[in-house]
C-alpha cells in the first residue's frame, strides 16, 4: 500500500490514531476499507468503569448497529448526534478520561432509541409462536444468562430449535447475546464466525482473531452456538478443539454459553471412549432435553396463523405431520404451500387449500403416481 493510499484511508478513519496500538489502528483502517457499513470491534473493556446497566445499553447499541448493518451516519442519526460522535461511542473513546463528552447523555439517547427499536420489532414480529419445546429453550437460555452457566439444549431435527434461539435473542436484548451456527469443519471457521458476529475484522492473523473473540465477552453476555453437534470431531481419535475453545471463552470471560444440538451431541459427550469430556460436562449447569413428540397445544397456535378456526380434522392432520420425519419444519412448509395457493386466488387461506397443497406435494414426490400403478 502506498503512502498516498494510507493517508486516504487514515483521513476516513474516525477519531484520532495517535496513542492507539497497531492492532487498533489496523482495526480502524479495516473498517474504513469496508465501506460505509460499520465494522467496529466490540471493546467492552473500555466501558468497564461505567455502571453495569450503562454497559449493557452500550453493548446492545453496538450489536444492533452491526445486525442492522448501520452506517456511521445512521448510527449518529439514531442517537441524535453526528457520525464522529457515533464513532467515538462505538470505539469506547467518547467520555472521560479518554475523550470529551458525557456518557450520561449518550446513555439517555440509547435508552430512548432502544424503546423505539423494540416497538418496531413488535410491529414487524414474524410468524414465531411458542410451543412446549420453545418454552423449554427460552427457559434454558434464561438460566444460562442469569447464572453465567453452560446450558445444552438437545432435541430432534426440525423441532424449531434454531428459530426459538433466534427469537429469544431478539426478544432478550440481542446486544447481550451473540448467536452463531457452528461450521461443518474447523475451529478457524468457528473463530471467524464469532469474530464477525461481534463486529471485529476477520481479515487478520489468528492471534488477533482470538484476542478479539475473548475481549468481546464478559459476564453480561451469552454466546449461543447452534448446530453444536458439528463441533464433534469426525474421527474419535481427535480432540474437539472447537468445543474446548468455547469452554475456554466461558471460563476466561465469565460469559454464559448455550449449545443447541441434536441428541448425537449429548450422547457423544457421555459415551466417548477416546476423549474425556469431563471439563465440559462438569460445567453444564442445565441440560435441556426437548420432548420427542409434539402435542395438540403445540400445533394449534401455528395452524391458527394460517386458518383462524381450524377444524379438529385439520389439527389432527397437522399434529401427525409435526411428529413425522421433518417435524414442525415440514408442517410449516406445508402450511406455506397452502397459503401460496390461496394468495394466487386472491383470498384468505382455507382448509381446502391445505389439503390441495398436501396432494400437490405427494404427487411431486411420486406417491400418487406410484400408488395408482400398484
Protein backbone atom coordinates (compact mmCIF):
# COMPACT_ATOMS: atom_id res chain seq x y z
CA UNK A 1 0.00 0.00 0.00
CA UNK A 2 1.40 3.42 -0.96
CA UNK A 3 1.74 6.37 1.41
CA UNK A 4 -0.97 8.20 -0.53
CA UNK A 5 -3.37 5.26 -0.12
CA UNK A 6 -2.59 5.02 3.57
CA UNK A 7 -3.22 8.72 4.08
CA UNK A 8 -6.51 8.46 2.18
CA UNK A 9 -7.64 5.65 4.48
CA UNK A 10 -6.46 7.48 7.60
CA UNK A 11 -8.44 10.56 6.60
CA UNK A 12 -11.64 8.48 6.73
CA UNK A 13 -10.90 6.69 9.99
CA UNK A 14 -12.98 8.40 12.70
CA UNK A 15 -11.21 9.65 15.79
CA UNK A 16 -7.52 10.17 16.46
CA UNK A 17 -4.98 7.44 15.72
CA UNK A 18 -2.17 8.70 17.93
CA UNK A 19 -1.84 6.81 21.18
CA UNK A 20 -3.54 3.71 19.79
CA UNK A 21 -1.88 0.34 19.40
CA UNK A 22 -1.02 -1.00 15.97
CA UNK A 23 -3.81 -3.54 16.38
CA UNK A 24 -6.37 -0.79 16.97
CA UNK A 25 -5.06 1.21 14.03
CA UNK A 26 -5.37 -1.87 11.84
CA UNK A 27 -8.94 -2.39 13.01
CA UNK A 28 -9.88 1.18 12.13
CA UNK A 29 -8.19 1.03 8.75
CA UNK A 30 -10.06 -2.20 8.03
CA UNK A 31 -13.32 -0.50 8.98
CA UNK A 32 -12.59 2.32 6.54
CA UNK A 33 -11.82 -0.14 3.76
CA UNK A 34 -15.07 -2.00 4.43
CA UNK A 35 -17.03 0.96 3.06
CA UNK A 36 -19.97 2.59 4.75
CA UNK A 37 -21.20 -0.30 6.88
CA UNK A 38 -19.98 -0.10 10.48
CA UNK A 39 -17.24 -2.59 11.25
CA UNK A 40 -16.07 -1.61 14.72
CA UNK A 41 -14.96 -4.43 17.04
CA UNK A 42 -16.56 -4.54 20.44
CA UNK A 43 -14.26 -3.29 23.21
CA UNK A 44 -16.35 -3.89 26.31
CA UNK A 45 -13.24 -3.36 28.47
CA UNK A 46 -13.32 0.35 27.62
CA UNK A 47 -16.70 0.71 29.32
CA UNK A 48 -15.86 -1.23 32.49
CA UNK A 49 -15.76 1.92 34.65
CA UNK A 50 -19.43 2.62 33.87
CA UNK A 51 -22.37 1.13 35.82
CA UNK A 52 -23.47 -2.31 34.63
CA UNK A 53 -26.79 -1.02 33.29
CA UNK A 54 -25.00 1.55 31.14
CA UNK A 55 -22.53 -1.03 29.87
CA UNK A 56 -25.40 -3.29 28.81
CA UNK A 57 -27.04 -0.47 26.83
CA UNK A 58 -23.76 0.34 25.06
CA UNK A 59 -23.22 -3.32 24.17
CA UNK A 60 -26.81 -3.52 22.92
CA UNK A 61 -26.37 -0.47 20.69
CA UNK A 62 -23.09 -1.78 19.30
CA UNK A 63 -24.63 -5.14 18.36
CA UNK A 64 -27.79 -3.52 17.00
CA UNK A 65 -25.73 -1.38 14.63
CA UNK A 66 -23.91 -4.48 13.39
CA UNK A 67 -27.06 -6.59 13.00
CA UNK A 68 -28.92 -3.85 11.13
CA UNK A 69 -25.83 -3.00 9.03
CA UNK A 70 -25.91 0.65 10.06
CA UNK A 71 -23.56 3.24 8.64
CA UNK A 72 -21.88 5.71 10.99
CA UNK A 73 -24.26 8.37 9.69
CA UNK A 74 -27.28 6.23 10.56
CA UNK A 75 -25.86 5.35 13.99
CA UNK A 76 -25.35 9.04 14.71
CA UNK A 77 -28.86 9.82 13.49
CA UNK A 78 -30.27 7.15 15.83
CA UNK A 79 -28.68 8.95 18.79
CA UNK A 80 -29.30 12.50 17.60
CA UNK A 81 -25.59 13.16 17.05
CA UNK A 82 -23.24 13.24 14.07
CA UNK A 83 -21.12 10.37 12.72
CA UNK A 84 -17.99 11.39 14.62
CA UNK A 85 -19.79 11.07 17.96
CA UNK A 86 -21.22 7.71 16.91
CA UNK A 87 -17.73 6.54 16.00
CA UNK A 88 -16.27 7.59 19.35
CA UNK A 89 -19.13 5.97 21.22
CA UNK A 90 -18.74 2.66 19.38
CA UNK A 91 -14.97 2.74 19.83
CA UNK A 92 -15.34 3.45 23.56
CA UNK A 93 -13.42 6.74 23.46
CA UNK A 94 -16.26 9.22 23.94
CA UNK A 95 -16.44 10.09 27.60
CA UNK A 96 -13.70 10.87 30.12
CA UNK A 97 -10.93 10.02 30.70
CA UNK A 98 -10.30 9.01 27.06
CA UNK A 99 -12.26 11.76 25.35
CA UNK A 100 -14.76 14.55 25.76
CA UNK A 101 -18.48 14.33 26.24
CA UNK A 102 -20.95 12.98 28.76
CA UNK A 103 -21.70 9.25 28.80
CA UNK A 104 -24.93 10.07 30.64
CA UNK A 105 -26.28 11.97 27.64
CA UNK A 106 -25.31 9.13 25.30
CA UNK A 107 -26.94 6.54 27.57
CA UNK A 108 -30.14 8.56 27.64
CA UNK A 109 -30.14 8.71 23.83
CA UNK A 110 -29.50 4.96 23.51
CA UNK A 111 -32.25 4.15 26.00
CA UNK A 112 -34.76 6.21 24.01
CA UNK A 113 -33.67 4.64 20.72
CA UNK A 114 -33.88 1.14 22.21
CA UNK A 115 -37.54 1.68 23.13
CA UNK A 116 -38.24 2.80 19.57
CA UNK A 117 -36.38 -0.20 18.11
CA UNK A 118 -38.28 -2.62 20.36
CA UNK A 119 -41.61 -1.08 19.33
CA UNK A 120 -40.68 -1.54 15.68
CA UNK A 121 -39.71 -5.14 16.41
CA UNK A 122 -43.15 -5.83 17.88
CA UNK A 123 -44.82 -4.44 14.75
CA UNK A 124 -42.59 -6.49 12.44
CA UNK A 125 -42.60 -9.68 14.51
CA UNK A 126 -42.52 -12.78 12.31
CA UNK A 127 -44.50 -16.00 12.50
CA UNK A 128 -42.75 -17.36 15.59
CA UNK A 129 -45.16 -18.74 18.18
CA UNK A 130 -44.39 -20.60 21.38
CA UNK A 131 -44.55 -24.37 21.72
CA UNK A 132 -43.63 -26.65 24.60
CA UNK A 133 -40.16 -27.03 23.05
CA UNK A 134 -39.61 -23.29 22.56
CA UNK A 135 -40.61 -22.54 26.15
CA UNK A 136 -38.02 -25.05 27.35
CA UNK A 137 -35.43 -23.47 25.07
CA UNK A 138 -36.20 -19.99 26.35
CA UNK A 139 -36.08 -21.21 29.93
CA UNK A 140 -32.68 -22.79 29.32
CA UNK A 141 -31.28 -19.61 27.75
CA UNK A 142 -32.69 -17.51 30.61
CA UNK A 143 -30.98 -19.84 33.08
CA UNK A 144 -27.64 -19.69 31.27
CA UNK A 145 -27.59 -15.88 31.18
CA UNK A 146 -28.77 -15.48 34.78
CA UNK A 147 -26.20 -17.92 36.15
CA UNK A 148 -23.28 -17.40 33.70
CA UNK A 149 -23.57 -21.11 33.07
CA UNK A 150 -23.18 -23.58 30.22
CA UNK A 151 -26.50 -24.98 29.03
CA UNK A 152 -27.07 -27.71 26.45
CA UNK A 153 -30.34 -27.77 24.50
CA UNK A 154 -30.89 -31.11 22.78
CA UNK A 155 -33.74 -32.11 20.52
CA UNK A 156 -34.79 -33.86 17.34
CA UNK A 157 -34.16 -32.28 13.95
CA UNK A 158 -36.96 -29.98 12.80
CA UNK A 159 -38.30 -29.00 16.23
CA UNK A 160 -37.72 -25.30 15.69
CA UNK A 161 -34.62 -25.07 17.89
CA UNK A 162 -32.89 -22.56 15.63
CA UNK A 163 -35.96 -20.34 15.28
CA UNK A 164 -36.58 -20.38 19.04
CA UNK A 165 -32.94 -19.46 19.70
CA UNK A 166 -33.08 -16.51 17.31
CA UNK A 167 -36.43 -15.39 18.73
CA UNK A 168 -35.02 -15.46 22.27
CA UNK A 169 -32.02 -13.42 21.16
CA UNK A 170 -34.27 -10.81 19.55
CA UNK A 171 -36.68 -10.66 22.47
CA UNK A 172 -33.99 -10.50 25.16
CA UNK A 173 -31.74 -7.65 24.10
CA UNK A 174 -29.70 -9.06 21.26
CA UNK A 175 -26.86 -6.73 22.23
CA UNK A 176 -26.18 -9.07 25.14
CA UNK A 177 -26.35 -12.22 23.07
CA UNK A 178 -24.30 -13.47 20.14
CA UNK A 179 -25.70 -16.33 18.07
CA UNK A 180 -23.56 -18.24 15.59
CA UNK A 181 -24.05 -21.50 13.73
CA UNK A 182 -21.21 -23.97 14.16
CA UNK A 183 -19.41 -24.65 10.88
CA UNK A 184 -19.22 -28.13 9.42
CA UNK A 185 -15.46 -28.30 9.93
CA UNK A 186 -12.66 -26.34 11.52
CA UNK A 187 -12.04 -24.27 14.64
CA UNK A 188 -10.69 -21.46 12.47
CA UNK A 189 -14.05 -21.03 10.75
CA UNK A 190 -15.85 -21.09 14.12
CA UNK A 191 -13.47 -18.38 15.33
CA UNK A 192 -14.15 -16.24 12.27
CA UNK A 193 -17.91 -16.58 12.70
CA UNK A 194 -17.72 -15.44 16.31
CA UNK A 195 -15.42 -12.55 15.47
CA UNK A 196 -17.66 -11.46 12.60
CA UNK A 197 -20.73 -11.61 14.85
CA UNK A 198 -19.13 -9.22 17.35
CA UNK A 199 -18.03 -6.80 14.63
CA UNK A 200 -14.28 -7.32 14.55
CA UNK A 201 -12.11 -7.58 11.46
CA UNK A 202 -11.84 -11.18 10.23
CA UNK A 203 -9.03 -10.44 7.76
CA UNK A 204 -6.19 -10.56 10.22
CA UNK A 205 -3.92 -13.03 11.98
CA UNK A 206 -5.20 -15.93 14.08
CA UNK A 207 -3.75 -14.37 17.24
CA UNK A 208 -5.68 -11.14 16.71
CA UNK A 209 -8.85 -13.09 15.90
CA UNK A 210 -8.56 -14.99 19.15
CA UNK A 211 -7.92 -11.78 21.09
CA UNK A 212 -10.96 -10.13 19.51
CA UNK A 213 -13.16 -13.12 20.39
CA UNK A 214 -12.16 -13.14 24.05
CA UNK A 215 -12.40 -9.40 24.63
CA UNK A 216 -15.93 -9.27 23.16
CA UNK A 217 -17.44 -11.24 26.04
CA UNK A 218 -17.99 -10.64 29.72
CA UNK A 219 -20.36 -11.88 32.46
CA UNK A 220 -23.20 -9.80 30.99
CA UNK A 221 -23.17 -11.61 27.63
CA UNK A 222 -24.15 -15.01 26.28
CA UNK A 223 -22.73 -16.92 23.32
CA UNK A 224 -25.32 -19.19 21.66
CA UNK A 225 -23.96 -21.84 19.29
CA UNK A 226 -26.49 -23.56 17.06
CA UNK A 227 -25.78 -26.94 15.39
CA UNK A 228 -23.27 -27.62 18.18
CA UNK A 229 -23.06 -31.32 17.22
CA UNK A 230 -20.89 -30.15 14.32
CA UNK A 231 -18.18 -29.36 16.89
CA UNK A 232 -17.65 -33.06 17.47
CA UNK A 233 -14.64 -34.44 15.55
CA UNK A 234 -15.42 -36.88 12.74
CA UNK A 235 -12.53 -39.02 13.93
CA UNK A 236 -12.87 -40.27 17.50
CA UNK A 237 -9.09 -40.06 17.97
CA UNK A 238 -9.08 -36.29 17.50
CA UNK A 239 -9.76 -33.79 20.25
CA UNK A 240 -12.75 -31.43 19.86
CA UNK A 241 -10.72 -28.23 19.71
CA UNK A 242 -13.73 -26.10 18.75
CA UNK A 243 -15.67 -27.23 21.80
CA UNK A 244 -12.67 -26.67 24.05
CA UNK A 245 -12.25 -23.20 22.59
CA UNK A 246 -15.84 -22.33 23.52
CA UNK A 247 -15.36 -23.72 27.01
CA UNK A 248 -12.27 -21.58 27.48
CA UNK A 249 -14.11 -18.43 26.37
CA UNK A 250 -16.71 -19.24 29.03
CA UNK A 251 -14.07 -19.89 31.69
CA UNK A 252 -11.96 -16.85 30.86
CA UNK A 253 -14.62 -14.20 30.36
CA UNK A 254 -17.42 -15.49 32.60
CA UNK A 255 -19.97 -15.30 29.80
CA UNK A 256 -22.87 -17.71 29.52
CA UNK A 257 -22.67 -20.40 26.84
CA UNK A 258 -25.59 -22.24 25.23
CA UNK A 259 -25.05 -25.22 22.93
CA UNK A 260 -28.04 -26.14 20.73
CA UNK A 261 -27.76 -29.55 19.11
CA UNK A 262 -29.23 -32.89 18.18
CA UNK A 263 -29.18 -35.88 20.52
CA UNK A 264 -25.93 -37.11 18.98
CA UNK A 265 -24.03 -34.32 20.73
CA UNK A 266 -25.27 -35.25 24.20
CA UNK A 267 -24.75 -38.97 23.60
CA UNK A 268 -21.17 -38.46 22.40
CA UNK A 269 -20.23 -36.34 25.40
CA UNK A 270 -21.20 -39.17 27.73
CA UNK A 271 -20.11 -42.23 25.73
CA UNK A 272 -16.77 -41.29 24.20
CA UNK A 273 -14.05 -43.84 25.00
CA UNK A 274 -11.15 -41.97 23.43
CA UNK A 275 -11.57 -38.40 24.61
CA UNK A 276 -12.81 -37.42 28.03
CA UNK A 277 -15.35 -34.58 28.11
CA UNK A 278 -15.32 -34.06 31.87
CA UNK A 279 -14.25 -30.41 31.55
CA UNK A 280 -17.38 -29.63 29.54
CA UNK A 281 -19.77 -31.99 31.34
CA UNK A 282 -18.71 -30.62 34.72
CA UNK A 283 -19.71 -27.11 33.67
CA UNK A 284 -23.15 -27.86 32.25
CA UNK A 285 -25.47 -26.16 34.71
CA UNK A 286 -28.66 -27.27 32.97
CA UNK A 287 -29.10 -29.95 30.31
CA UNK A 288 -32.39 -29.28 28.48
CA UNK A 289 -33.95 -32.24 26.65
CA UNK A 290 -36.84 -31.38 24.36
CA UNK A 291 -39.84 -33.74 24.18
CA UNK A 292 -39.75 -36.21 21.31
CA UNK A 293 -43.45 -35.78 20.47
CA UNK A 294 -45.45 -32.62 19.85
CA UNK A 295 -48.87 -32.21 21.40
CA UNK A 296 -52.03 -30.61 20.02
CA UNK A 297 -51.38 -27.47 22.09
CA UNK A 298 -48.04 -27.06 20.27
CA UNK A 299 -49.53 -27.30 16.80
CA UNK A 300 -52.72 -25.26 17.29
CA UNK A 301 -51.18 -21.74 17.55
CA UNK A 302 -49.06 -22.42 14.46
CA UNK A 303 -52.03 -23.54 12.38
CA UNK A 304 -54.15 -20.60 13.56
CA UNK A 305 -51.72 -18.21 11.92
CA UNK A 306 -52.97 -19.58 8.60
CA UNK A 307 -56.53 -20.72 9.38
CA UNK A 308 -58.28 -18.73 12.10
CA UNK A 309 -60.69 -21.50 13.15
CA UNK A 310 -59.17 -24.87 12.20
CA UNK A 311 -61.31 -27.99 12.39
CA UNK A 312 -60.36 -30.97 14.55
CA UNK A 313 -59.60 -32.91 11.37
CA UNK A 314 -57.11 -30.27 10.20
CA UNK A 315 -55.47 -30.09 13.62
CA UNK A 316 -55.16 -33.87 13.78
CA UNK A 317 -53.56 -33.96 10.33
CA UNK A 318 -51.13 -31.21 11.28
CA UNK A 319 -50.26 -32.92 14.54
CA UNK A 320 -49.39 -36.10 12.67
CA UNK A 321 -47.22 -34.12 10.23
CA UNK A 322 -45.44 -32.44 13.12
CA UNK A 323 -44.42 -35.81 14.55
CA UNK A 324 -43.33 -37.40 11.28
CA UNK A 325 -39.87 -37.04 9.74
CA UNK A 326 -39.08 -33.35 9.49
CA UNK A 327 -41.43 -32.47 12.33
CA UNK A 328 -42.51 -28.84 12.77
CA UNK A 329 -40.27 -27.69 9.95
CA UNK A 330 -42.22 -29.76 7.42
CA UNK A 331 -45.56 -28.72 8.89
CA UNK A 332 -44.72 -25.03 8.44
CA UNK A 333 -43.56 -25.69 4.87
CA UNK A 334 -46.87 -27.40 4.04
CA UNK A 335 -48.82 -24.50 5.53
CA UNK A 336 -46.82 -22.05 3.43
CA UNK A 337 -47.58 -24.04 0.29
CA UNK A 338 -51.29 -23.76 1.09
CA UNK A 339 -51.01 -20.03 1.77
CA UNK A 340 -49.39 -19.51 -1.64
CA UNK A 341 -52.25 -21.41 -3.29
CA UNK A 342 -54.71 -19.07 -1.57
CA UNK A 343 -52.66 -15.99 -2.46
CA UNK A 344 -52.82 -16.87 -6.16
CA UNK A 345 -56.59 -16.88 -5.85
CA UNK A 346 -56.53 -13.54 -4.06
CA UNK A 347 -58.31 -14.82 -0.96
CA UNK A 348 -57.62 -15.96 2.60
CA UNK A 349 -56.33 -19.50 3.07
CA UNK A 350 -58.84 -22.27 3.73
CA UNK A 351 -58.56 -25.88 4.87
CA UNK A 352 -59.19 -26.98 1.27
CA UNK A 353 -56.03 -25.13 0.25
CA UNK A 354 -54.07 -27.09 2.83
CA UNK A 355 -55.25 -30.45 1.54
CA UNK A 356 -54.66 -29.33 -2.06
CA UNK A 357 -51.14 -28.44 -1.05
CA UNK A 358 -50.62 -31.88 0.52
CA UNK A 359 -51.87 -33.54 -2.65
CA UNK A 360 -49.51 -31.48 -4.81
CA UNK A 361 -46.54 -32.36 -2.63
CA UNK A 362 -47.42 -36.06 -2.70
CA UNK A 363 -47.80 -36.00 -6.48
CA UNK A 364 -44.47 -34.22 -6.93
CA UNK A 365 -42.88 -36.83 -4.68
CA UNK A 366 -44.30 -39.64 -6.81
CA UNK A 367 -46.55 -41.08 -4.11
CA UNK A 368 -49.82 -40.67 -6.08
CA UNK A 369 -48.36 -41.94 -9.34
CA UNK A 370 -46.76 -45.00 -7.78
CA UNK A 371 -49.91 -45.80 -5.80
CA UNK A 372 -52.01 -45.72 -8.96
CA UNK A 373 -49.60 -48.06 -10.77
CA UNK A 374 -49.70 -50.53 -7.93
